[in-house]
Amino acid sequence: DSWTRTNDSDLSNLFSSYGWWFGNIRVDPANPNNVFVLGLDNYKTTNGGNYWFNTSGGIHVDQHGMYIHPLNPNFIVLGNDGGVYVSYNSGSNWYYRSNMPITQFYACDVDFQIPNRYYGGTQDNGTNRTLTGNQNDWQEILGADGFYVLVDPSNNNFIYAESQYGGFTRS
């Protein structure tokens, strides 16, 4: 119903340059003074916003989603460009869930000359491909944020890929 400005100077590096689309606020359902702000990194306050501290310690950048368990606010699930992380102590430590073969694709393409070859540009995890179509043999072929990737339909030796800041590459 009402808002009060708090100390936001501690959040000056939250977005690097501007408010990214994935910026979110999450409030502890058991204690409204415990608040998380998601951006490039993950910040937390335990006193209603008077002081913020970075709780990202070793996790991947670009925080997209957070779930705080309503009955046990020490249990938190965090989703970011690197995958899924879990905390059992309200964000003091994070544990990477490496058993989930997932990533966020911007766009993908198929090599129609060899249809089990898939290519895709991924959020913060480069341009990737699989030569067999299997889940476990993807490899990064171009770094940074991968965006569109196209296989030349007349000569599949040529792969075109773009990346952030206007990067464009041909194999």
C-alpha atoms as a PDB file:
ATOM      1  CA  ASP A   1       0.000   0.000   0.000  1.00  0.00           C
ATOM      2  CA  SER A   2       2.888   2.353   0.629  1.00  0.00           C
ATOM      3  CA  TRP A   3       6.576   2.594  -0.164  1.00  0.00           C
ATOM      4  CA  THR A   4       9.526   4.121   1.647  1.00  0.00           C
ATOM      5  CA  ARG A   5      12.853   4.769  -0.020  1.00  0.00           C
ATOM      6  CA  THR A   6      15.688   2.802   1.560  1.00  0.00           C
ATOM      7  CA  ASN A   7      19.433   2.667   1.045  1.00  0.00           C
ATOM      8  CA  ASP A   8      19.887   1.800  -2.625  1.00  0.00           C
ATOM      9  CA  SER A   9      23.552   2.867  -2.908  1.00  0.00           C
ATOM     10  CA  ASP A  10      24.639  -0.706  -2.077  1.00  0.00           C
ATOM     11  CA  LEU A  11      22.819  -1.840  -5.223  1.00  0.00           C
ATOM     12  CA  SER A  12      24.784   0.348  -7.643  1.00  0.00           C
ATOM     13  CA  ASN A  13      26.354  -2.655  -9.427  1.00  0.00           C
ATOM     14  CA  LEU A  14      23.203  -4.736  -9.544  1.00  0.00           C
ATOM     15  CA  PHE A  15      22.502  -4.205 -13.226  1.00  0.00           C
ATOM     16  CA  SER A  16      25.848  -3.050 -14.656  1.00  0.00           C
ATOM     17  CA  SER A  17      24.261  -0.335 -16.803  1.00  0.00           C
ATOM     18  CA  TYR A  18      20.455  -0.466 -16.807  1.00  0.00           C
ATOM     19  CA  GLY A  19      17.620  -2.552 -15.364  1.00  0.00           C
ATOM     20  CA  TRP A  20      17.755  -5.904 -17.136  1.00  0.00           C
ATOM     21  CA  TRP A  21      14.496  -7.641 -17.971  1.00  0.00           C
ATOM     22  CA  PHE A  22      15.107 -10.352 -15.384  1.00  0.00           C
ATOM     23  CA  GLY A  23      15.442  -7.989 -12.403  1.00  0.00           C
ATOM     24  CA  ASN A  24      13.184  -9.186  -9.602  1.00  0.00           C
ATOM     25  CA  ILE A  25      12.467  -8.666  -5.923  1.00  0.00           C
ATOM     26  CA  ARG A  26      11.686 -11.588  -3.607  1.00  0.00           C
ATOM     27  CA  VAL A  27      10.463 -11.149  -0.035  1.00  0.00           C
ATOM     28  CA  ASP A  28      10.921 -13.826   2.615  1.00  0.00           C
ATOM     29  CA  PRO A  29       7.328 -14.970   3.380  1.00  0.00           C
ATOM     30  CA  ALA A  30       8.198 -15.413   7.074  1.00  0.00           C
ATOM     31  CA  ASN A  31      10.065 -12.119   7.563  1.00  0.00           C
ATOM     32  CA  PRO A  32       9.392  -9.080   5.337  1.00  0.00           C
ATOM     33  CA  ASN A  33      12.698  -7.489   6.411  1.00  0.00           C
ATOM     34  CA  ASN A  34      14.538 -10.230   4.515  1.00  0.00           C
ATOM     35  CA  VAL A  35      14.448  -9.246   0.856  1.00  0.00           C
ATOM     36  CA  PHE A  36      16.411 -10.433  -2.193  1.00  0.00           C
ATOM     37  CA  VAL A  37      17.027  -8.356  -5.304  1.00  0.00           C
ATOM     38  CA  LEU A  38      17.951 -10.292  -8.446  1.00  0.00           C
ATOM     39  CA  GLY A  39      20.070  -8.775 -11.197  1.00  0.00           C
ATOM     40  CA  LEU A  40      23.461  -9.678 -12.597  1.00  0.00           C
ATOM     41  CA  ASP A  41      24.222 -10.740  -9.045  1.00  0.00           C
ATOM     42  CA  ASN A  42      22.039 -11.547  -6.073  1.00  0.00           C
ATOM     43  CA  TYR A  43      21.708  -9.058  -3.198  1.00  0.00           C
ATOM     44  CA  LYS A  44      19.995  -9.465   0.146  1.00  0.00           C
ATOM     45  CA  THR A  45      18.922  -7.280   3.042  1.00  0.00           C
ATOM     46  CA  THR A  46      17.990  -8.543   6.495  1.00  0.00           C
ATOM     47  CA  ASN A  47      16.891  -5.138   7.822  1.00  0.00           C
ATOM     48  CA  GLY A  48      14.279  -3.951   5.358  1.00  0.00           C
ATOM     49  CA  GLY A  49      16.675  -2.341   2.893  1.00  0.00           C
ATOM     50  CA  ASN A  50      18.929  -0.270   5.154  1.00  0.00           C
ATOM     51  CA  TYR A  51      21.933  -2.404   4.169  1.00  0.00           C
ATOM     52  CA  TRP A  52      22.329  -4.747   1.185  1.00  0.00           C
ATOM     53  CA  PHE A  53      25.020  -7.386   0.681  1.00  0.00           C
ATOM     54  CA  ASN A  54      25.960  -9.585  -2.240  1.00  0.00           C
ATOM     55  CA  THR A  55      25.074 -13.261  -1.760  1.00  0.00           C
ATOM     56  CA  SER A  56      26.255 -14.439  -5.171  1.00  0.00           C
ATOM     57  CA  GLY A  57      29.437 -16.155  -3.967  1.00  0.00           C
ATOM     58  CA  GLY A  58      30.443 -18.448  -6.821  1.00  0.00           C
ATOM     59  CA  ILE A  59      27.143 -18.668  -8.675  1.00  0.00           C
ATOM     60  CA  HIS A  60      26.621 -17.878 -12.352  1.00  0.00           C
ATOM     61  CA  VAL A  61      25.478 -14.372 -13.347  1.00  0.00           C
ATOM     62  CA  ASP A  62      22.045 -13.134 -14.454  1.00  0.00           C
ATOM     63  CA  GLN A  63      19.573 -14.160 -11.762  1.00  0.00           C
ATOM     64  CA  HIS A  64      16.181 -14.921 -13.310  1.00  0.00           C
ATOM     65  CA  GLY A  65      14.050 -16.534 -10.667  1.00  0.00           C
ATOM     66  CA  MET A  66      13.912 -17.372  -6.998  1.00  0.00           C
ATOM     67  CA  TYR A  67      11.602 -19.486  -4.878  1.00  0.00           C
ATOM     68  CA  ILE A  68      11.649 -19.092  -1.088  1.00  0.00           C
ATOM     69  CA  HIS A  69       9.844 -21.943   0.636  1.00  0.00           C
ATOM     70  CA  PRO A  70       6.955 -20.443   2.660  1.00  0.00           C
ATOM     71  CA  LEU A  71       7.304 -22.900   5.573  1.00  0.00           C
ATOM     72  CA  ASN A  72      11.119 -23.034   5.585  1.00  0.00           C
ATOM     73  CA  PRO A  73      12.583 -19.738   4.274  1.00  0.00           C
ATOM     74  CA  ASN A  74      16.095 -21.170   4.687  1.00  0.00           C
ATOM     75  CA  PHE A  75      15.335 -23.346   1.640  1.00  0.00           C
ATOM     76  CA  ILE A  76      15.693 -21.287  -1.550  1.00  0.00           C
ATOM     77  CA  VAL A  77      15.867 -22.321  -5.197  1.00  0.00           C
ATOM     78  CA  LEU A  78      17.602 -19.879  -7.569  1.00  0.00           C
ATOM     79  CA  GLY A  79      17.525 -20.007 -11.366  1.00  0.00           C
ATOM     80  CA  ASN A  80      20.054 -18.125 -13.498  1.00  0.00           C
ATOM     81  CA  ASP A  81      21.860 -18.323 -16.825  1.00  0.00           C
ATOM     82  CA  GLY A  82      24.040 -21.129 -15.474  1.00  0.00           C
ATOM     83  CA  GLY A  83      21.217 -23.361 -14.265  1.00  0.00           C
ATOM     84  CA  VAL A  84      19.660 -24.077 -10.890  1.00  0.00           C
ATOM     85  CA  TYR A  85      21.166 -23.493  -7.442  1.00  0.00           C
ATOM     86  CA  VAL A  86      19.798 -24.423  -4.023  1.00  0.00           C
ATOM     87  CA  SER A  87      20.463 -22.863  -0.624  1.00  0.00           C
ATOM     88  CA  TYR A  88      19.645 -24.459   2.703  1.00  0.00           C
ATOM     89  CA  ASN A  89      20.688 -21.426   4.792  1.00  0.00           C
ATOM     90  CA  SER A  90      18.771 -18.482   3.325  1.00  0.00           C
ATOM     91  CA  GLY A  91      21.302 -17.708   0.593  1.00  0.00           C
ATOM     92  CA  SER A  92      24.524 -17.820   2.600  1.00  0.00           C
ATOM     93  CA  ASN A  93      25.740 -20.779   0.520  1.00  0.00           C
ATOM     94  CA  TRP A  94      24.588 -22.036  -2.872  1.00  0.00           C
ATOM     95  CA  TYR A  95      24.834 -25.554  -4.297  1.00  0.00           C
ATOM     96  CA  TYR A  96      24.753 -26.075  -8.055  1.00  0.00           C
ATOM     97  CA  ARG A  97      22.337 -28.724  -9.310  1.00  0.00           C
ATOM     98  CA  SER A  98      24.607 -30.282 -11.942  1.00  0.00           C
ATOM     99  CA  ASN A  99      22.242 -33.153 -12.727  1.00  0.00           C
ATOM    100  CA  MET A 100      19.944 -30.952 -14.804  1.00  0.00           C
ATOM    101  CA  PRO A 101      21.063 -30.778 -18.469  1.00  0.00           C
ATOM    102  CA  ILE A 102      19.308 -27.493 -19.257  1.00  0.00           C
ATOM    103  CA  THR A 103      20.074 -24.127 -20.798  1.00  0.00           C
ATOM    104  CA  GLN A 104      18.080 -21.229 -22.212  1.00  0.00           C
ATOM    105  CA  PHE A 105      18.146 -21.109 -26.000  1.00  0.00           C
ATOM    106  CA  TYR A 106      17.481 -17.864 -27.869  1.00  0.00           C
ATOM    107  CA  ALA A 107      17.216 -19.578 -31.230  1.00  0.00           C
ATOM    108  CA  CYS A 108      18.180 -22.853 -32.864  1.00  0.00           C
ATOM    109  CA  ASP A 109      18.778 -24.414 -36.264  1.00  0.00           C
ATOM    110  CA  VAL A 110      19.045 -27.858 -37.806  1.00  0.00           C
ATOM    111  CA  ASP A 111      21.590 -29.046 -40.370  1.00  0.00           C
ATOM    112  CA  PHE A 112      19.127 -30.351 -42.966  1.00  0.00           C
ATOM    113  CA  GLN A 113      21.892 -32.293 -44.746  1.00  0.00           C
ATOM    114  CA  ILE A 114      22.525 -34.235 -41.501  1.00  0.00           C
ATOM    115  CA  PRO A 115      19.273 -33.716 -39.526  1.00  0.00           C
ATOM    116  CA  ASN A 116      20.549 -35.030 -36.183  1.00  0.00           C
ATOM    117  CA  ARG A 117      22.937 -32.067 -35.941  1.00  0.00           C
ATOM    118  CA  TYR A 118      21.381 -29.272 -33.905  1.00  0.00           C
ATOM    119  CA  TYR A 119      22.755 -25.803 -33.221  1.00  0.00           C
ATOM    120  CA  GLY A 120      21.602 -23.132 -30.829  1.00  0.00           C
ATOM    121  CA  GLY A 121      22.492 -19.761 -29.395  1.00  0.00           C
ATOM    122  CA  THR A 122      22.198 -19.784 -25.616  1.00  0.00           C
ATOM    123  CA  GLN A 123      21.814 -17.150 -22.939  1.00  0.00           C
ATOM    124  CA  ASP A 124      25.296 -16.438 -21.564  1.00  0.00           C
ATOM    125  CA  ASN A 125      26.557 -19.890 -22.558  1.00  0.00           C
ATOM    126  CA  GLY A 126      27.631 -19.390 -26.160  1.00  0.00           C
ATOM    127  CA  THR A 127      26.600 -21.012 -29.407  1.00  0.00           C
ATOM    128  CA  ASN A 128      26.357 -24.773 -28.961  1.00  0.00           C
ATOM    129  CA  ARG A 129      25.905 -27.825 -31.146  1.00  0.00           C
ATOM    130  CA  THR A 130      25.392 -31.551 -31.003  1.00  0.00           C
ATOM    131  CA  LEU A 131      26.606 -33.687 -33.886  1.00  0.00           C
ATOM    132  CA  THR A 132      24.554 -36.719 -32.841  1.00  0.00           C
ATOM    133  CA  GLY A 133      21.340 -35.259 -31.420  1.00  0.00           C
ATOM    134  CA  ASN A 134      22.083 -36.776 -28.010  1.00  0.00           C
ATOM    135  CA  GLN A 135      21.527 -34.809 -24.803  1.00  0.00           C
ATOM    136  CA  ASN A 136      25.015 -35.418 -23.452  1.00  0.00           C
ATOM    137  CA  ASP A 137      27.337 -34.372 -26.272  1.00  0.00           C
ATOM    138  CA  TRP A 138      26.687 -30.662 -26.739  1.00  0.00           C
ATOM    139  CA  GLN A 139      29.769 -28.507 -27.217  1.00  0.00           C
ATOM    140  CA  GLU A 140      30.288 -24.756 -27.280  1.00  0.00           C
ATOM    141  CA  ILE A 141      31.535 -23.530 -30.659  1.00  0.00           C
ATOM    142  CA  LEU A 142      31.376 -19.765 -30.033  1.00  0.00           C
ATOM    143  CA  GLY A 143      31.489 -17.933 -26.690  1.00  0.00           C
ATOM    144  CA  ALA A 144      29.536 -15.061 -25.110  1.00  0.00           C
ATOM    145  CA  ASP A 145      25.769 -14.797 -25.452  1.00  0.00           C
ATOM    146  CA  GLY A 146      24.855 -16.904 -28.446  1.00  0.00           C
ATOM    147  CA  PHE A 147      21.966 -15.566 -30.465  1.00  0.00           C
ATOM    148  CA  TYR A 148      20.974 -16.720 -33.928  1.00  0.00           C
ATOM    149  CA  VAL A 149      22.891 -19.538 -35.570  1.00  0.00           C
ATOM    150  CA  LEU A 150      22.306 -20.714 -39.139  1.00  0.00           C
ATOM    151  CA  VAL A 151      23.670 -23.684 -41.071  1.00  0.00           C
ATOM    152  CA  ASP A 152      24.228 -22.931 -44.761  1.00  0.00           C
ATOM    153  CA  PRO A 153      21.613 -25.160 -46.464  1.00  0.00           C
ATOM    154  CA  SER A 154      23.781 -25.685 -49.557  1.00  0.00           C
ATOM    155  CA  ASN A 155      27.096 -26.275 -47.739  1.00  0.00           C
ATOM    156  CA  ASN A 156      26.895 -27.355 -44.119  1.00  0.00           C
ATOM    157  CA  ASN A 157      30.599 -26.625 -43.606  1.00  0.00           C
ATOM    158  CA  PHE A 158      29.541 -23.008 -43.180  1.00  0.00           C
ATOM    159  CA  ILE A 159      27.917 -22.095 -39.875  1.00  0.00           C
ATOM    160  CA  TYR A 160      26.900 -18.503 -39.185  1.00  0.00           C
ATOM    161  CA  ALA A 161      26.527 -17.333 -35.612  1.00  0.00           C
ATOM    162  CA  GLU A 162      25.961 -14.031 -33.888  1.00  0.00           C
ATOM    163  CA  SER A 163      26.731 -12.901 -30.364  1.00  0.00           C
ATOM    164  CA  GLN A 164      26.117  -9.877 -28.191  1.00  0.00           C
ATOM    165  CA  TYR A 165      27.274  -6.387 -29.197  1.00  0.00           C
ATOM    166  CA  GLY A 166      26.882  -7.185 -32.887  1.00  0.00           C
ATOM    167  CA  GLY A 167      29.360 -10.054 -33.127  1.00  0.00           C
ATOM    168  CA  PHE A 168      28.976 -12.133 -36.288  1.00  0.00           C
ATOM    169  CA  THR A 169      31.057 -15.189 -37.157  1.00  0.00           C
ATOM    170  CA  ARG A 170      31.249 -17.699 -39.989  1.00  0.00           C
ATOM    171  CA  SER A 171      32.983 -21.029 -39.523  1.00  0.00           C
END
